[in-house]
Amino acid sequence: MEEFGKEFDEHYPNMWERFDRSYTGFVILSQSIILSHALKDNVIIVGRGGNFLLRDVPFALNVRIIAPREQRLEAIMKRENLSREPQNSW
């Protein structure tokens, strides 16, 4: 399950994944875990739709932190092994 979770992070499901039972099961299980932990209080949920799941919970504090654009671009380029230099495809 941990390996599937790594693939799930930062990934928007394509049309086929949305109808795949294992993917749907993973989403439901993730939501259940997030909600059960949130009810225990004193937890921090980073990503995974926590802000969406807990939007109607009156005691939930939603915080959005955004890095400067340049810093975000550098992080993505490093993660995806990209450079700013144009690549010749021929």
PDB file of N, CA and C in Angstrom:
ATOM      1  N   MET A   1       0.824  -1.186   0.000  1.00  0.00           N
ATOM      2  CA  MET A   1       0.000   0.000   0.000  1.00  0.00           C
ATOM      3  C   MET A   1       0.873   1.256   0.000  1.00  0.00           C
ATOM      4  N   GLU A   2       2.001   1.213   0.676  1.00  0.00           N
ATOM      5  CA  GLU A   2       2.877   2.382   0.720  1.00  0.00           C
ATOM      6  C   GLU A   2       3.355   2.763  -0.675  1.00  0.00           C
ATOM      7  N   GLU A   3       3.680   1.755  -1.481  1.00  0.00           N
ATOM      8  CA  GLU A   3       4.136   2.016  -2.850  1.00  0.00           C
ATOM      9  C   GLU A   3       3.031   2.667  -3.675  1.00  0.00           C
ATOM     10  N   PHE A   4       1.800   2.193  -3.527  1.00  0.00           N
ATOM     11  CA  PHE A   4       0.668   2.787  -4.240  1.00  0.00           C
ATOM     12  C   PHE A   4       0.458   4.215  -3.764  1.00  0.00           C
ATOM     13  N   GLY A   5       0.685   4.470  -2.483  1.00  0.00           N
ATOM     14  CA  GLY A   5       0.542   5.805  -1.926  1.00  0.00           C
ATOM     15  C   GLY A   5       1.532   6.778  -2.528  1.00  0.00           C
ATOM     16  N   LYS A   6       2.751   6.331  -2.787  1.00  0.00           N
ATOM     17  CA  LYS A   6       3.753   7.195  -3.406  1.00  0.00           C
ATOM     18  C   LYS A   6       3.315   7.612  -4.809  1.00  0.00           C
ATOM     19  N   GLU A   7       2.722   6.677  -5.542  1.00  0.00           N
ATOM     20  CA  GLU A   7       2.230   7.001  -6.875  1.00  0.00           C
ATOM     21  C   GLU A   7       1.025   7.928  -6.809  1.00  0.00           C
ATOM     22  N   PHE A   8       0.258   7.822  -5.742  1.00  0.00           N
ATOM     23  CA  PHE A   8      -0.964   8.600  -5.574  1.00  0.00           C
ATOM     24  C   PHE A   8      -0.657  10.063  -5.271  1.00  0.00           C
ATOM     25  N   ASP A   9       0.418  10.339  -4.571  1.00  0.00           N
ATOM     26  CA  ASP A   9       0.793  11.711  -4.229  1.00  0.00           C
ATOM     27  C   ASP A   9       1.016  12.533  -5.491  1.00  0.00           C
ATOM     28  N   GLU A  10       0.510  13.760  -5.471  1.00  0.00           N
ATOM     29  CA  GLU A  10       0.713  14.702  -6.564  1.00  0.00           C
ATOM     30  C   GLU A  10       0.280  14.140  -7.916  1.00  0.00           C
ATOM     31  N   HIS A  11      -0.754  13.331  -7.911  1.00  0.00           N
ATOM     32  CA  HIS A  11      -1.195  12.689  -9.144  1.00  0.00           C
ATOM     33  C   HIS A  11      -2.698  12.854  -9.291  1.00  0.00           C
ATOM     34  N   TYR A  12      -3.099  13.385 -10.423  1.00  0.00           N
ATOM     35  CA  TYR A  12      -4.526  13.475 -10.723  1.00  0.00           C
ATOM     36  C   TYR A  12      -4.893  12.240 -11.530  1.00  0.00           C
ATOM     37  N   PRO A  13      -5.895  11.481 -11.092  1.00  0.00           N
ATOM     38  CA  PRO A  13      -6.214  10.220 -11.780  1.00  0.00           C
ATOM     39  C   PRO A  13      -6.728  10.445 -13.199  1.00  0.00           C
ATOM     40  N   ASN A  14      -6.291   9.576 -14.101  1.00  0.00           N
ATOM     41  CA  ASN A  14      -6.825   9.655 -15.458  1.00  0.00           C
ATOM     42  C   ASN A  14      -8.192   8.979 -15.494  1.00  0.00           C
ATOM     43  N   MET A  15      -8.825   8.976 -16.655  1.00  0.00           N
ATOM     44  CA  MET A  15     -10.179   8.444 -16.760  1.00  0.00           C
ATOM     45  C   MET A  15     -10.265   6.984 -16.326  1.00  0.00           C
ATOM     46  N   TRP A  16      -9.280   6.188 -16.707  1.00  0.00           N
ATOM     47  CA  TRP A  16      -9.333   4.758 -16.371  1.00  0.00           C
ATOM     48  C   TRP A  16      -9.141   4.536 -14.875  1.00  0.00           C
ATOM     49  N   GLU A  17      -8.241   5.300 -14.276  1.00  0.00           N
ATOM     50  CA  GLU A  17      -7.988   5.142 -12.835  1.00  0.00           C
ATOM     51  C   GLU A  17      -9.221   5.491 -12.012  1.00  0.00           C
ATOM     52  N   ARG A  18      -9.993   6.469 -12.463  1.00  0.00           N
ATOM     53  CA  ARG A  18     -11.188   6.864 -11.718  1.00  0.00           C
ATOM     54  C   ARG A  18     -12.205   5.739 -11.615  1.00  0.00           C
ATOM     55  N   PHE A  19     -12.173   4.803 -12.539  1.00  0.00           N
ATOM     56  CA  PHE A  19     -13.123   3.693 -12.519  1.00  0.00           C
ATOM     57  C   PHE A  19     -12.488   2.376 -12.062  1.00  0.00           C
ATOM     58  N   ASP A  20     -11.213   2.426 -11.725  1.00  0.00           N
ATOM     59  CA  ASP A  20     -10.500   1.235 -11.255  1.00  0.00           C
ATOM     60  C   ASP A  20     -10.850   0.979  -9.788  1.00  0.00           C
ATOM     61  N   ARG A  21     -11.258  -0.233  -9.484  1.00  0.00           N
ATOM     62  CA  ARG A  21     -11.698  -0.563  -8.116  1.00  0.00           C
ATOM     63  C   ARG A  21     -10.579  -0.403  -7.090  1.00  0.00           C
ATOM     64  N   SER A  22      -9.363  -0.810  -7.437  1.00  0.00           N
ATOM     65  CA  SER A  22      -8.274  -0.705  -6.461  1.00  0.00           C
ATOM     66  C   SER A  22      -7.959   0.760  -6.174  1.00  0.00           C
ATOM     67  N   TYR A  23      -8.017   1.603  -7.191  1.00  0.00           N
ATOM     68  CA  TYR A  23      -7.768   3.030  -6.994  1.00  0.00           C
ATOM     69  C   TYR A  23      -8.876   3.636  -6.131  1.00  0.00           C
ATOM     70  N   THR A  24     -10.114   3.307  -6.454  1.00  0.00           N
ATOM     71  CA  THR A  24     -11.253   3.810  -5.679  1.00  0.00           C
ATOM     72  C   THR A  24     -11.147   3.341  -4.227  1.00  0.00           C
ATOM     73  N   GLY A  25     -10.777   2.085  -4.036  1.00  0.00           N
ATOM     74  CA  GLY A  25     -10.611   1.560  -2.677  1.00  0.00           C
ATOM     75  C   GLY A  25      -9.528   2.294  -1.918  1.00  0.00           C
ATOM     76  N   PHE A  26      -8.426   2.606  -2.601  1.00  0.00           N
ATOM     77  CA  PHE A  26      -7.342   3.336  -1.950  1.00  0.00           C
ATOM     78  C   PHE A  26      -7.797   4.730  -1.541  1.00  0.00           C
ATOM     79  N   VAL A  27      -8.562   5.400  -2.405  1.00  0.00           N
ATOM     80  CA  VAL A  27      -9.068   6.740  -2.096  1.00  0.00           C
ATOM     81  C   VAL A  27      -9.987   6.682  -0.878  1.00  0.00           C
ATOM     82  N   ILE A  28     -10.899   5.729  -0.848  1.00  0.00           N
ATOM     83  CA  ILE A  28     -11.830   5.596   0.282  1.00  0.00           C
ATOM     84  C   ILE A  28     -11.078   5.285   1.566  1.00  0.00           C
ATOM     85  N   LEU A  29     -10.112   4.399   1.491  1.00  0.00           N
ATOM     86  CA  LEU A  29      -9.313   4.061   2.676  1.00  0.00           C
ATOM     87  C   LEU A  29      -8.541   5.280   3.167  1.00  0.00           C
ATOM     88  N   SER A  30      -7.951   6.034   2.246  1.00  0.00           N
ATOM     89  CA  SER A  30      -7.218   7.253   2.621  1.00  0.00           C
ATOM     90  C   SER A  30      -8.136   8.254   3.305  1.00  0.00           C
ATOM     91  N   GLN A  31      -9.313   8.450   2.756  1.00  0.00           N
ATOM     92  CA  GLN A  31     -10.274   9.385   3.349  1.00  0.00           C
ATOM     93  C   GLN A  31     -10.678   8.934   4.745  1.00  0.00           C
ATOM     94  N   SER A  32     -10.904   7.655   4.904  1.00  0.00           N
ATOM     95  CA  SER A  32     -11.289   7.120   6.209  1.00  0.00           C
ATOM     96  C   SER A  32     -10.187   7.337   7.249  1.00  0.00           C
ATOM     97  N   ILE A  33      -8.948   7.105   6.854  1.00  0.00           N
ATOM     98  CA  ILE A  33      -7.820   7.295   7.769  1.00  0.00           C
ATOM     99  C   ILE A  33      -7.672   8.763   8.150  1.00  0.00           C
ATOM    100  N   ILE A  34      -7.767   9.650   7.170  1.00  0.00           N
ATOM    101  CA  ILE A  34      -7.645  11.080   7.444  1.00  0.00           C
ATOM    102  C   ILE A  34      -8.733  11.532   8.407  1.00  0.00           C
ATOM    103  N   LEU A  35      -9.977  11.141   8.128  1.00  0.00           N
ATOM    104  CA  LEU A  35     -11.089  11.558   8.991  1.00  0.00           C
ATOM    105  C   LEU A  35     -10.967  10.991  10.401  1.00  0.00           C
ATOM    106  N   SER A  36     -10.577   9.736  10.529  1.00  0.00           N
ATOM    107  CA  SER A  36     -10.466   9.148  11.869  1.00  0.00           C
ATOM    108  C   SER A  36      -9.346   9.809  12.673  1.00  0.00           C
ATOM    109  N   HIS A  37      -8.236  10.155  12.025  1.00  0.00           N
ATOM    110  CA  HIS A  37      -7.163  10.854  12.731  1.00  0.00           C
ATOM    111  C   HIS A  37      -7.576  12.275  13.087  1.00  0.00           C
ATOM    112  N   ALA A  38      -8.293  12.940  12.187  1.00  0.00           N
ATOM    113  CA  ALA A  38      -8.730  14.318  12.445  1.00  0.00           C
ATOM    114  C   ALA A  38      -9.657  14.379  13.655  1.00  0.00           C
ATOM    115  N   LEU A  39     -10.468  13.376  13.842  1.00  0.00           N
ATOM    116  CA  LEU A  39     -11.386  13.355  14.983  1.00  0.00           C
ATOM    117  C   LEU A  39     -10.659  13.190  16.313  1.00  0.00           C
ATOM    118  N   LYS A  40      -9.430  12.676  16.283  1.00  0.00           N
ATOM    119  CA  LYS A  40      -8.658  12.485  17.513  1.00  0.00           C
ATOM    120  C   LYS A  40      -8.061  13.792  18.017  1.00  0.00           C
ATOM    121  N   ASP A  41      -8.029  14.837  17.149  1.00  0.00           N
ATOM    122  CA  ASP A  41      -7.514  16.154  17.515  1.00  0.00           C
ATOM    123  C   ASP A  41      -5.984  16.158  17.540  1.00  0.00           C
ATOM    124  N   ASN A  42      -5.423  17.351  17.512  1.00  0.00           N
ATOM    125  CA  ASN A  42      -3.981  17.568  17.567  1.00  0.00           C
ATOM    126  C   ASN A  42      -3.208  16.818  16.482  1.00  0.00           C
ATOM    127  N   VAL A  43      -3.689  16.883  15.256  1.00  0.00           N
ATOM    128  CA  VAL A  43      -2.980  16.259  14.145  1.00  0.00           C
ATOM    129  C   VAL A  43      -2.743  17.297  13.050  1.00  0.00           C
ATOM    130  N   ILE A  44      -1.732  17.049  12.249  1.00  0.00           N
ATOM    131  CA  ILE A  44      -1.442  17.870  11.084  1.00  0.00           C
ATOM    132  C   ILE A  44      -1.559  16.967   9.870  1.00  0.00           C
ATOM    133  N   ILE A  45      -2.390  17.364   8.936  1.00  0.00           N
ATOM    134  CA  ILE A  45      -2.589  16.589   7.717  1.00  0.00           C
ATOM    135  C   ILE A  45      -2.037  17.423   6.568  1.00  0.00           C
ATOM    136  N   VAL A  46      -1.040  16.887   5.893  1.00  0.00           N
ATOM    137  CA  VAL A  46      -0.393  17.612   4.803  1.00  0.00           C
ATOM    138  C   VAL A  46      -0.855  16.997   3.488  1.00  0.00           C
ATOM    139  N   GLY A  47      -1.574  17.789   2.697  1.00  0.00           N
ATOM    140  CA  GLY A  47      -2.007  17.331   1.386  1.00  0.00           C
ATOM    141  C   GLY A  47      -3.070  16.262   1.454  1.00  0.00           C
ATOM    142  N   ARG A  48      -3.109  15.457   0.421  1.00  0.00           N
ATOM    143  CA  ARG A  48      -4.032  14.334   0.295  1.00  0.00           C
ATOM    144  C   ARG A  48      -5.500  14.736   0.414  1.00  0.00           C
ATOM    145  N   GLY A  49      -5.802  15.985   0.070  1.00  0.00           N
ATOM    146  CA  GLY A  49      -7.194  16.433   0.084  1.00  0.00           C
ATOM    147  C   GLY A  49      -7.744  16.709   1.464  1.00  0.00           C
ATOM    148  N   GLY A  50      -6.864  16.829   2.444  1.00  0.00           N
ATOM    149  CA  GLY A  50      -7.319  17.086   3.811  1.00  0.00           C
ATOM    150  C   GLY A  50      -8.163  18.342   3.909  1.00  0.00           C
ATOM    151  N   ASN A  51      -7.774  19.386   3.192  1.00  0.00           N
ATOM    152  CA  ASN A  51      -8.554  20.631   3.231  1.00  0.00           C
ATOM    153  C   ASN A  51      -9.955  20.424   2.667  1.00  0.00           C
ATOM    154  N   PHE A  52     -10.089  19.581   1.670  1.00  0.00           N
ATOM    155  CA  PHE A  52     -11.391  19.294   1.084  1.00  0.00           C
ATOM    156  C   PHE A  52     -12.228  18.418   2.019  1.00  0.00           C
ATOM    157  N   LEU A  53     -11.605  17.375   2.555  1.00  0.00           N
ATOM    158  CA  LEU A  53     -12.326  16.462   3.442  1.00  0.00           C
ATOM    159  C   LEU A  53     -12.800  17.140   4.723  1.00  0.00           C
ATOM    160  N   LEU A  54     -11.995  18.063   5.226  1.00  0.00           N
ATOM    161  CA  LEU A  54     -12.295  18.674   6.528  1.00  0.00           C
ATOM    162  C   LEU A  54     -12.923  20.062   6.394  1.00  0.00           C
ATOM    163  N   ARG A  55     -13.382  20.420   5.213  1.00  0.00           N
ATOM    164  CA  ARG A  55     -13.901  21.779   4.989  1.00  0.00           C
ATOM    165  C   ARG A  55     -15.099  22.110   5.866  1.00  0.00           C
ATOM    166  N   ASP A  56     -15.894  21.122   6.246  1.00  0.00           N
ATOM    167  CA  ASP A  56     -17.072  21.375   7.081  1.00  0.00           C
ATOM    168  C   ASP A  56     -16.843  21.072   8.560  1.00  0.00           C
ATOM    169  N   VAL A  57     -15.630  20.757   8.923  1.00  0.00           N
ATOM    170  CA  VAL A  57     -15.304  20.473  10.326  1.00  0.00           C
ATOM    171  C   VAL A  57     -14.983  21.800  10.997  1.00  0.00           C
ATOM    172  N   PRO A  58     -15.810  22.227  11.963  1.00  0.00           N
ATOM    173  CA  PRO A  58     -15.648  23.567  12.539  1.00  0.00           C
ATOM    174  C   PRO A  58     -14.334  23.787  13.280  1.00  0.00           C
ATOM    175  N   PHE A  59     -13.729  22.748  13.822  1.00  0.00           N
ATOM    176  CA  PHE A  59     -12.501  22.925  14.597  1.00  0.00           C
ATOM    177  C   PHE A  59     -11.241  22.698  13.770  1.00  0.00           C
ATOM    178  N   ALA A  60     -11.388  22.482  12.457  1.00  0.00           N
ATOM    179  CA  ALA A  60     -10.225  22.278  11.582  1.00  0.00           C
ATOM    180  C   ALA A  60      -9.673  23.628  11.141  1.00  0.00           C
ATOM    181  N   LEU A  61      -8.381  23.767  11.222  1.00  0.00           N
ATOM    182  CA  LEU A  61      -7.702  24.978  10.764  1.00  0.00           C
ATOM    183  C   LEU A  61      -6.995  24.641   9.453  1.00  0.00           C
ATOM    184  N   ASN A  62      -7.412  25.280   8.376  1.00  0.00           N
ATOM    185  CA  ASN A  62      -6.794  25.056   7.073  1.00  0.00           C
ATOM    186  C   ASN A  62      -5.778  26.146   6.804  1.00  0.00           C
ATOM    187  N   VAL A  63      -4.564  25.739   6.471  1.00  0.00           N
ATOM    188  CA  VAL A  63      -3.479  26.668   6.186  1.00  0.00           C
ATOM    189  C   VAL A  63      -2.893  26.304   4.829  1.00  0.00           C
ATOM    190  N   ARG A  64      -2.699  27.307   3.992  1.00  0.00           N
ATOM    191  CA  ARG A  64      -2.066  27.071   2.693  1.00  0.00           C
ATOM    192  C   ARG A  64      -0.764  27.861   2.653  1.00  0.00           C
ATOM    193  N   ILE A  65       0.316  27.144   2.432  1.00  0.00           N
ATOM    194  CA  ILE A  65       1.638  27.765   2.360  1.00  0.00           C
ATOM    195  C   ILE A  65       2.139  27.617   0.930  1.00  0.00           C
ATOM    196  N   ILE A  66       2.511  28.731   0.337  1.00  0.00           N
ATOM    197  CA  ILE A  66       2.981  28.714  -1.041  1.00  0.00           C
ATOM    198  C   ILE A  66       4.376  29.329  -1.091  1.00  0.00           C
ATOM    199  N   ALA A  67       5.292  28.598  -1.683  1.00  0.00           N
ATOM    200  CA  ALA A  67       6.654  29.099  -1.848  1.00  0.00           C
ATOM    201  C   ALA A  67       6.678  30.070  -3.023  1.00  0.00           C
ATOM    202  N   PRO A  68       7.692  30.917  -3.088  1.00  0.00           N
ATOM    203  CA  PRO A  68       7.827  31.802  -4.248  1.00  0.00           C
ATOM    204  C   PRO A  68       7.901  30.986  -5.546  1.00  0.00           C
ATOM    205  N   ARG A  69       7.410  31.557  -6.633  1.00  0.00           N
ATOM    206  CA  ARG A  69       7.327  30.859  -7.913  1.00  0.00           C
ATOM    207  C   ARG A  69       8.674  30.271  -8.339  1.00  0.00           C
ATOM    208  N   GLU A  70       9.718  31.043  -8.224  1.00  0.00           N
ATOM    209  CA  GLU A  70      11.038  30.575  -8.650  1.00  0.00           C
ATOM    210  C   GLU A  70      11.474  29.346  -7.847  1.00  0.00           C
ATOM    211  N   GLN A  71      11.201  29.358  -6.573  1.00  0.00           N
ATOM    212  CA  GLN A  71      11.567  28.226  -5.721  1.00  0.00           C
ATOM    213  C   GLN A  71      10.763  26.981  -6.103  1.00  0.00           C
ATOM    214  N   ARG A  72       9.487  27.160  -6.422  1.00  0.00           N
ATOM    215  CA  ARG A  72       8.658  26.027  -6.847  1.00  0.00           C
ATOM    216  C   ARG A  72       9.150  25.463  -8.180  1.00  0.00           C
ATOM    217  N   LEU A  73       9.512  26.354  -9.116  1.00  0.00           N
ATOM    218  CA  LEU A  73      10.030  25.893 -10.401  1.00  0.00           C
ATOM    219  C   LEU A  73      11.323  25.096 -10.225  1.00  0.00           C
ATOM    220  N   GLU A  74      12.212  25.582  -9.387  1.00  0.00           N
ATOM    221  CA  GLU A  74      13.478  24.868  -9.130  1.00  0.00           C
ATOM    222  C   GLU A  74      13.214  23.481  -8.547  1.00  0.00           C
ATOM    223  N   ALA A  75      12.274  23.383  -7.622  1.00  0.00           N
ATOM    224  CA  ALA A  75      11.953  22.091  -7.002  1.00  0.00           C
ATOM    225  C   ALA A  75      11.401  21.111  -8.034  1.00  0.00           C
ATOM    226  N   ILE A  76      10.528  21.599  -8.913  1.00  0.00           N
ATOM    227  CA  ILE A  76       9.957  20.734  -9.951  1.00  0.00           C
ATOM    228  C   ILE A  76      11.032  20.310 -10.947  1.00  0.00           C
ATOM    229  N   MET A  77      11.882  21.249 -11.346  1.00  0.00           N
ATOM    230  CA  MET A  77      12.950  20.918 -12.287  1.00  0.00           C
ATOM    231  C   MET A  77      13.894  19.876 -11.692  1.00  0.00           C
ATOM    232  N   LYS A  78      14.204  20.006 -10.432  1.00  0.00           N
ATOM    233  CA  LYS A  78      15.085  19.038  -9.776  1.00  0.00           C
ATOM    234  C   LYS A  78      14.407  17.671  -9.695  1.00  0.00           C
ATOM    235  N   ARG A  79      13.142  17.655  -9.284  1.00  0.00           N
ATOM    236  CA  ARG A  79      12.400  16.398  -9.141  1.00  0.00           C
ATOM    237  C   ARG A  79      12.234  15.687 -10.479  1.00  0.00           C
ATOM    238  N   GLU A  80      11.979  16.447 -11.537  1.00  0.00           N
ATOM    239  CA  GLU A  80      11.734  15.865 -12.861  1.00  0.00           C
ATOM    240  C   GLU A  80      12.994  15.791 -13.730  1.00  0.00           C
ATOM    241  N   ASN A  81      14.127  16.187 -13.161  1.00  0.00           N
ATOM    242  CA  ASN A  81      15.406  16.163 -13.876  1.00  0.00           C
ATOM    243  C   ASN A  81      15.331  16.997 -15.161  1.00  0.00           C
ATOM    244  N   LEU A  82      14.879  18.235 -15.027  1.00  0.00           N
ATOM    245  CA  LEU A  82      14.726  19.156 -16.148  1.00  0.00           C
ATOM    246  C   LEU A  82      15.700  20.323 -16.019  1.00  0.00           C
ATOM    247  N   SER A  83      15.971  20.975 -17.138  1.00  0.00           N
ATOM    248  CA  SER A  83      16.791  22.167 -17.095  1.00  0.00           C
ATOM    249  C   SER A  83      16.069  23.272 -17.859  1.00  0.00           C
ATOM    250  N   ARG A  84      16.551  24.481 -17.705  1.00  0.00           N
ATOM    251  CA  ARG A  84      15.960  25.619 -18.407  1.00  0.00           C
ATOM    252  C   ARG A  84      16.441  25.719 -19.842  1.00  0.00           C
ATOM    253  N   GLU A  85      17.487  25.002 -20.154  1.00  0.00           N
ATOM    254  CA  GLU A  85      18.057  25.042 -21.492  1.00  0.00           C
ATOM    255  C   GLU A  85      17.135  24.285 -22.465  1.00  0.00           C
ATOM    256  N   PRO A  86      16.889  24.890 -23.652  1.00  0.00           N
ATOM    257  CA  PRO A  86      16.057  24.189 -24.647  1.00  0.00           C
ATOM    258  C   PRO A  86      16.739  22.911 -25.115  1.00  0.00           C
ATOM    259  N   GLN A  87      15.946  21.887 -25.304  1.00  0.00           N
ATOM    260  CA  GLN A  87      16.457  20.597 -25.754  1.00  0.00           C
ATOM    261  C   GLN A  87      16.148  20.410 -27.232  1.00  0.00           C
ATOM    262  N   ASN A  88      17.155  20.016 -27.992  1.00  0.00           N
ATOM    263  CA  ASN A  88      16.930  19.696 -29.412  1.00  0.00           C
ATOM    264  C   ASN A  88      16.345  18.297 -29.500  1.00  0.00           C
ATOM    265  N   SER A  89      15.216  18.169 -30.168  1.00  0.00           N
ATOM    266  CA  SER A  89      14.577  16.852 -30.291  1.00  0.00           C
ATOM    267  C   SER A  89      14.916  16.177 -31.605  1.00  0.00           C
ATOM    268  N   TRP A  90      15.819  16.753 -32.390  1.00  0.00           N
ATOM    269  CA  TRP A  90      16.170  16.146 -33.664  1.00  0.00           C
ATOM    270  C   TRP A  90      17.584  15.782 -33.727  1.00  0.00           C
TER     271      TRP A  90
END
